[in-house]
Amino acid sequence: MTADKKINEPQNVNKENPTPVVQAEKKTNGAAGPAAGARRQRTIKDPNELASLVLLHIDAVHARKDDLTAAIKNLADITKQLTRAYGEHTKTIKALQQRIKVLEEKASE
C-alpha cells in the first residue's frame, strides 16, 4: 500500500468475501478550503515514527489549547475593563442628572 492512498478508499479488503465499506462524513471542524477534506492516510511501519507522529499531534493540540486559553484570558480582562468603565460612566451620568435636577430647581425659583 502506498502513502498516497486516500482515507475513504477501502483498505485490506478480503478479495474472496468483500465487505461493504461505509464512508464516514468528512469532519472538517469548521475548516474551509481545499486542505480541509484533503487528508491522506499512510501506513507507518516504524514504531519510532509512529511515536514521534503521535507526539507531534499532541504538541499541536496543546499549542491550540494554549492559544485558546490565552484568548479566553484576554476576553475576560477586556470584559472586566468594560464593566469597570460602564460602572464609572453610569456613576458619572447619575451625578450629572442630580446636578441638572438641582440647577433646574434653582432656576425655577
N, C-alpha and C. Protein backbone atom coordinates (compact mmCIF):
# COMPACT_ATOMS: atom_id res chain seq x y z
N MET A 1 0.85 -1.16 0.00
CA MET A 1 0.00 0.00 0.00
C MET A 1 0.90 1.23 0.00
N THR A 2 0.55 2.21 -0.78
CA THR A 2 1.39 3.40 -0.88
C THR A 2 0.95 4.46 0.10
N ALA A 3 1.78 5.46 0.25
CA ALA A 3 1.48 6.55 1.19
C ALA A 3 0.44 7.51 0.63
N ASP A 4 0.10 7.36 -0.64
CA ASP A 4 -0.83 8.31 -1.28
C ASP A 4 -2.28 7.82 -1.29
N LYS A 5 -2.59 6.73 -0.63
CA LYS A 5 -3.97 6.25 -0.59
C LYS A 5 -4.83 7.21 0.20
N LYS A 6 -6.01 7.48 -0.27
CA LYS A 6 -6.92 8.38 0.44
C LYS A 6 -7.63 7.62 1.55
N ILE A 7 -8.15 8.35 2.50
CA ILE A 7 -8.80 7.75 3.67
C ILE A 7 -10.03 6.96 3.26
N ASN A 8 -10.78 7.46 2.32
CA ASN A 8 -12.05 6.81 2.00
C ASN A 8 -11.92 5.66 1.01
N GLU A 9 -10.71 5.28 0.61
CA GLU A 9 -10.54 4.12 -0.25
C GLU A 9 -10.48 2.88 0.63
N PRO A 10 -11.07 1.76 0.20
CA PRO A 10 -11.05 0.55 1.02
C PRO A 10 -9.62 0.04 1.20
N GLN A 11 -9.33 -0.42 2.41
CA GLN A 11 -8.01 -0.94 2.71
C GLN A 11 -8.14 -2.34 3.26
N ASN A 12 -7.21 -3.20 2.88
CA ASN A 12 -7.17 -4.57 3.36
C ASN A 12 -8.51 -5.28 3.18
N VAL A 13 -9.10 -5.15 2.01
CA VAL A 13 -10.39 -5.77 1.73
C VAL A 13 -10.14 -7.21 1.33
N ASN A 14 -10.90 -8.12 1.89
CA ASN A 14 -10.82 -9.53 1.55
C ASN A 14 -11.38 -9.70 0.15
N LYS A 15 -10.56 -10.19 -0.79
CA LYS A 15 -10.99 -10.24 -2.19
C LYS A 15 -11.99 -11.37 -2.45
N GLU A 16 -11.97 -12.43 -1.64
CA GLU A 16 -12.90 -13.52 -1.84
C GLU A 16 -14.29 -13.18 -1.28
N ASN A 17 -14.30 -12.53 -0.16
CA ASN A 17 -15.55 -12.17 0.50
C ASN A 17 -15.52 -10.68 0.82
N PRO A 18 -15.79 -9.84 -0.19
CA PRO A 18 -15.66 -8.39 0.04
C PRO A 18 -16.67 -7.89 1.07
N THR A 19 -16.19 -6.99 1.89
CA THR A 19 -17.03 -6.36 2.90
C THR A 19 -17.39 -4.97 2.42
N PRO A 20 -18.67 -4.58 2.52
CA PRO A 20 -19.02 -3.23 2.08
C PRO A 20 -18.33 -2.19 2.96
N VAL A 21 -17.88 -1.15 2.31
CA VAL A 21 -17.18 -0.08 3.02
C VAL A 21 -18.15 1.08 3.18
N VAL A 22 -18.34 1.51 4.42
CA VAL A 22 -19.20 2.65 4.70
C VAL A 22 -18.30 3.86 4.85
N GLN A 23 -18.54 4.85 4.00
CA GLN A 23 -17.72 6.06 4.06
C GLN A 23 -18.31 7.01 5.08
N ALA A 24 -17.48 7.42 6.02
CA ALA A 24 -17.91 8.37 7.04
C ALA A 24 -17.90 9.77 6.46
N GLU A 25 -18.76 10.62 7.03
CA GLU A 25 -18.75 12.02 6.61
C GLU A 25 -17.43 12.64 7.02
N LYS A 26 -16.94 13.51 6.17
CA LYS A 26 -15.69 14.19 6.49
C LYS A 26 -15.98 15.27 7.51
N LYS A 27 -15.27 15.23 8.63
CA LYS A 27 -15.43 16.23 9.67
C LYS A 27 -14.29 17.22 9.52
N THR A 28 -14.63 18.44 9.17
CA THR A 28 -13.60 19.46 8.96
C THR A 28 -13.47 20.39 10.14
N ASN A 29 -14.35 20.24 11.13
CA ASN A 29 -14.28 21.06 12.34
C ASN A 29 -14.29 22.55 12.02
N GLY A 30 -15.09 22.93 11.02
CA GLY A 30 -15.21 24.34 10.67
C GLY A 30 -14.13 24.83 9.73
N ALA A 31 -13.19 23.98 9.35
CA ALA A 31 -12.13 24.42 8.46
C ALA A 31 -12.68 24.57 7.05
N ALA A 32 -12.14 25.54 6.35
CA ALA A 32 -12.59 25.78 4.99
C ALA A 32 -11.41 25.67 4.04
N GLY A 33 -11.71 25.50 2.78
CA GLY A 33 -10.64 25.48 1.79
C GLY A 33 -10.33 24.06 1.35
N PRO A 34 -9.42 23.94 0.38
CA PRO A 34 -9.12 22.63 -0.19
C PRO A 34 -8.41 21.71 0.78
N ALA A 35 -7.70 22.24 1.76
CA ALA A 35 -6.96 21.38 2.68
C ALA A 35 -7.86 20.77 3.74
N ALA A 36 -9.10 21.26 3.86
CA ALA A 36 -9.98 20.80 4.92
C ALA A 36 -10.31 19.31 4.78
N GLY A 37 -10.62 18.84 3.60
CA GLY A 37 -11.00 17.44 3.43
C GLY A 37 -9.98 16.63 2.67
N ALA A 38 -8.82 17.17 2.44
CA ALA A 38 -7.84 16.51 1.59
C ALA A 38 -6.77 15.78 2.41
N ARG A 39 -7.13 15.22 3.54
CA ARG A 39 -6.16 14.50 4.35
C ARG A 39 -5.91 13.13 3.73
N ARG A 40 -4.69 12.69 3.85
CA ARG A 40 -4.34 11.40 3.29
C ARG A 40 -3.81 10.50 4.39
N GLN A 41 -4.08 9.22 4.24
CA GLN A 41 -3.62 8.25 5.21
C GLN A 41 -2.42 7.51 4.64
N ARG A 42 -1.47 7.22 5.50
CA ARG A 42 -0.32 6.46 5.05
C ARG A 42 -0.04 5.39 6.08
N THR A 43 0.63 4.35 5.65
CA THR A 43 0.96 3.25 6.53
C THR A 43 2.29 3.53 7.19
N ILE A 44 2.31 3.45 8.50
CA ILE A 44 3.54 3.67 9.26
C ILE A 44 3.96 2.34 9.85
N LYS A 45 5.16 1.89 9.49
CA LYS A 45 5.63 0.59 9.95
C LYS A 45 6.62 0.72 11.09
N ASP A 46 7.28 1.85 11.22
CA ASP A 46 8.29 2.04 12.25
C ASP A 46 7.64 2.59 13.51
N PRO A 47 7.76 1.88 14.65
CA PRO A 47 7.15 2.37 15.89
C PRO A 47 7.70 3.73 16.33
N ASN A 48 8.96 3.99 16.06
CA ASN A 48 9.54 5.28 16.43
C ASN A 48 8.90 6.41 15.64
N GLU A 49 8.64 6.15 14.37
CA GLU A 49 7.98 7.16 13.53
C GLU A 49 6.55 7.40 14.01
N LEU A 50 5.88 6.33 14.40
CA LEU A 50 4.52 6.45 14.92
C LEU A 50 4.51 7.25 16.22
N ALA A 51 5.46 6.95 17.11
CA ALA A 51 5.53 7.66 18.39
C ALA A 51 5.80 9.14 18.17
N SER A 52 6.72 9.46 17.26
CA SER A 52 7.01 10.88 17.01
C SER A 52 5.82 11.58 16.36
N LEU A 53 5.08 10.87 15.52
CA LEU A 53 3.90 11.45 14.89
C LEU A 53 2.81 11.72 15.93
N VAL A 54 2.61 10.79 16.86
CA VAL A 54 1.63 10.98 17.92
C VAL A 54 2.03 12.15 18.81
N LEU A 55 3.30 12.22 19.16
CA LEU A 55 3.78 13.32 19.99
C LEU A 55 3.63 14.66 19.28
N LEU A 56 3.84 14.65 17.96
CA LEU A 56 3.66 15.86 17.17
C LEU A 56 2.22 16.34 17.23
N HIS A 57 1.28 15.40 17.10
CA HIS A 57 -0.13 15.76 17.17
C HIS A 57 -0.52 16.23 18.57
N ILE A 58 0.03 15.59 19.60
CA ILE A 58 -0.25 16.01 20.97
C ILE A 58 0.27 17.43 21.20
N ASP A 59 1.47 17.72 20.71
CA ASP A 59 2.01 19.07 20.84
C ASP A 59 1.15 20.09 20.12
N ALA A 60 0.64 19.71 18.95
CA ALA A 60 -0.23 20.62 18.20
C ALA A 60 -1.52 20.91 18.98
N VAL A 61 -2.07 19.88 19.60
CA VAL A 61 -3.29 20.06 20.40
C VAL A 61 -3.00 20.96 21.60
N HIS A 62 -1.88 20.73 22.27
CA HIS A 62 -1.52 21.56 23.42
C HIS A 62 -1.31 23.01 23.00
N ALA A 63 -0.70 23.21 21.84
CA ALA A 63 -0.48 24.58 21.36
C ALA A 63 -1.83 25.26 21.11
N ARG A 64 -2.77 24.54 20.51
CA ARG A 64 -4.10 25.10 20.28
C ARG A 64 -4.79 25.42 21.59
N LYS A 65 -4.67 24.51 22.58
CA LYS A 65 -5.28 24.75 23.88
C LYS A 65 -4.67 25.98 24.54
N ASP A 66 -3.35 26.13 24.42
CA ASP A 66 -2.69 27.31 24.99
C ASP A 66 -3.18 28.58 24.32
N ASP A 67 -3.34 28.54 22.99
CA ASP A 67 -3.84 29.71 22.26
C ASP A 67 -5.26 30.06 22.72
N LEU A 68 -6.10 29.05 22.87
CA LEU A 68 -7.47 29.29 23.31
C LEU A 68 -7.51 29.81 24.75
N THR A 69 -6.65 29.27 25.61
CA THR A 69 -6.59 29.74 26.99
C THR A 69 -6.19 31.21 27.04
N ALA A 70 -5.19 31.57 26.25
CA ALA A 70 -4.75 32.97 26.21
C ALA A 70 -5.87 33.87 25.69
N ALA A 71 -6.59 33.42 24.67
CA ALA A 71 -7.68 34.21 24.11
C ALA A 71 -8.80 34.40 25.14
N ILE A 72 -9.12 33.35 25.90
CA ILE A 72 -10.16 33.45 26.92
C ILE A 72 -9.74 34.41 28.02
N LYS A 73 -8.47 34.33 28.43
CA LYS A 73 -7.98 35.25 29.47
C LYS A 73 -8.04 36.69 28.98
N ASN A 74 -7.66 36.92 27.73
CA ASN A 74 -7.74 38.27 27.17
C ASN A 74 -9.18 38.78 27.14
N LEU A 75 -10.11 37.91 26.74
CA LEU A 75 -11.52 38.31 26.71
C LEU A 75 -12.03 38.61 28.11
N ALA A 76 -11.60 37.83 29.10
CA ALA A 76 -12.02 38.09 30.48
C ALA A 76 -11.47 39.43 30.96
N ASP A 77 -10.21 39.74 30.64
CA ASP A 77 -9.64 41.03 31.03
C ASP A 77 -10.37 42.20 30.38
N ILE A 78 -10.67 42.06 29.10
CA ILE A 78 -11.40 43.12 28.39
C ILE A 78 -12.79 43.29 28.99
N THR A 79 -13.44 42.18 29.33
CA THR A 79 -14.78 42.26 29.93
C THR A 79 -14.73 42.99 31.27
N LYS A 80 -13.70 42.69 32.08
CA LYS A 80 -13.55 43.38 33.37
C LYS A 80 -13.36 44.88 33.16
N GLN A 81 -12.53 45.25 32.18
CA GLN A 81 -12.28 46.67 31.91
C GLN A 81 -13.55 47.35 31.43
N LEU A 82 -14.29 46.69 30.55
CA LEU A 82 -15.54 47.28 30.06
C LEU A 82 -16.56 47.43 31.18
N THR A 83 -16.65 46.44 32.05
CA THR A 83 -17.58 46.51 33.18
C THR A 83 -17.22 47.66 34.10
N ARG A 84 -15.93 47.80 34.38
CA ARG A 84 -15.47 48.90 35.24
C ARG A 84 -15.79 50.26 34.60
N ALA A 85 -15.50 50.38 33.30
CA ALA A 85 -15.78 51.64 32.60
C ALA A 85 -17.28 51.93 32.58
N TYR A 86 -18.09 50.89 32.37
CA TYR A 86 -19.54 51.08 32.36
C TYR A 86 -20.02 51.58 33.72
N GLY A 87 -19.50 50.99 34.79
CA GLY A 87 -19.88 51.43 36.14
C GLY A 87 -19.50 52.87 36.39
N GLU A 88 -18.29 53.26 35.98
CA GLU A 88 -17.85 54.65 36.16
C GLU A 88 -18.71 55.61 35.35
N HIS A 89 -19.04 55.22 34.13
CA HIS A 89 -19.88 56.09 33.29
C HIS A 89 -21.28 56.22 33.88
N THR A 90 -21.81 55.11 34.38
CA THR A 90 -23.13 55.16 34.99
C THR A 90 -23.13 56.08 36.21
N LYS A 91 -22.07 55.99 37.02
CA LYS A 91 -21.95 56.85 38.20
C LYS A 91 -21.87 58.32 37.79
N THR A 92 -21.09 58.61 36.75
CA THR A 92 -20.96 59.99 36.26
C THR A 92 -22.29 60.50 35.73
N ILE A 93 -23.01 59.67 34.99
CA ILE A 93 -24.31 60.08 34.44
C ILE A 93 -25.29 60.39 35.56
N LYS A 94 -25.32 59.55 36.59
CA LYS A 94 -26.24 59.79 37.72
C LYS A 94 -25.88 61.09 38.45
N ALA A 95 -24.57 61.34 38.61
CA ALA A 95 -24.15 62.59 39.27
C ALA A 95 -24.56 63.78 38.43
N LEU A 96 -24.41 63.71 37.12
CA LEU A 96 -24.82 64.81 36.23
C LEU A 96 -26.33 65.01 36.26
N GLN A 97 -27.09 63.91 36.32
CA GLN A 97 -28.54 64.03 36.40
C GLN A 97 -28.95 64.73 37.69
N GLN A 98 -28.29 64.40 38.80
CA GLN A 98 -28.57 65.06 40.07
C GLN A 98 -28.23 66.55 40.00
N ARG A 99 -27.11 66.85 39.38
CA ARG A 99 -26.69 68.26 39.25
C ARG A 99 -27.67 69.05 38.40
N ILE A 100 -28.12 68.43 37.30
CA ILE A 100 -29.11 69.08 36.44
C ILE A 100 -30.41 69.32 37.21
N LYS A 101 -30.83 68.34 37.98
CA LYS A 101 -32.05 68.46 38.77
C LYS A 101 -31.95 69.60 39.76
N VAL A 102 -30.78 69.72 40.42
CA VAL A 102 -30.57 70.83 41.37
C VAL A 102 -30.58 72.16 40.64
N LEU A 103 -29.91 72.27 39.50
CA LEU A 103 -29.87 73.51 38.74
C LEU A 103 -31.26 73.89 38.23
N GLU A 104 -32.05 72.91 37.80
CA GLU A 104 -33.40 73.19 37.34
C GLU A 104 -34.28 73.72 38.48
N GLU A 105 -34.09 73.14 39.67
CA GLU A 105 -34.86 73.60 40.84
C GLU A 105 -34.49 75.03 41.20
N LYS A 106 -33.19 75.36 41.12
CA LYS A 106 -32.75 76.74 41.41
C LYS A 106 -33.27 77.71 40.36
N ALA A 107 -33.31 77.27 39.08
CA ALA A 107 -33.76 78.14 38.02
C ALA A 107 -35.27 78.38 38.09
N SER A 108 -36.02 77.44 38.60
CA SER A 108 -37.47 77.59 38.68
C SER A 108 -37.89 78.46 39.86
N GLU A 109 -37.01 78.73 40.80
CA GLU A 109 -37.36 79.56 41.97
C GLU A 109 -37.42 80.99 41.63
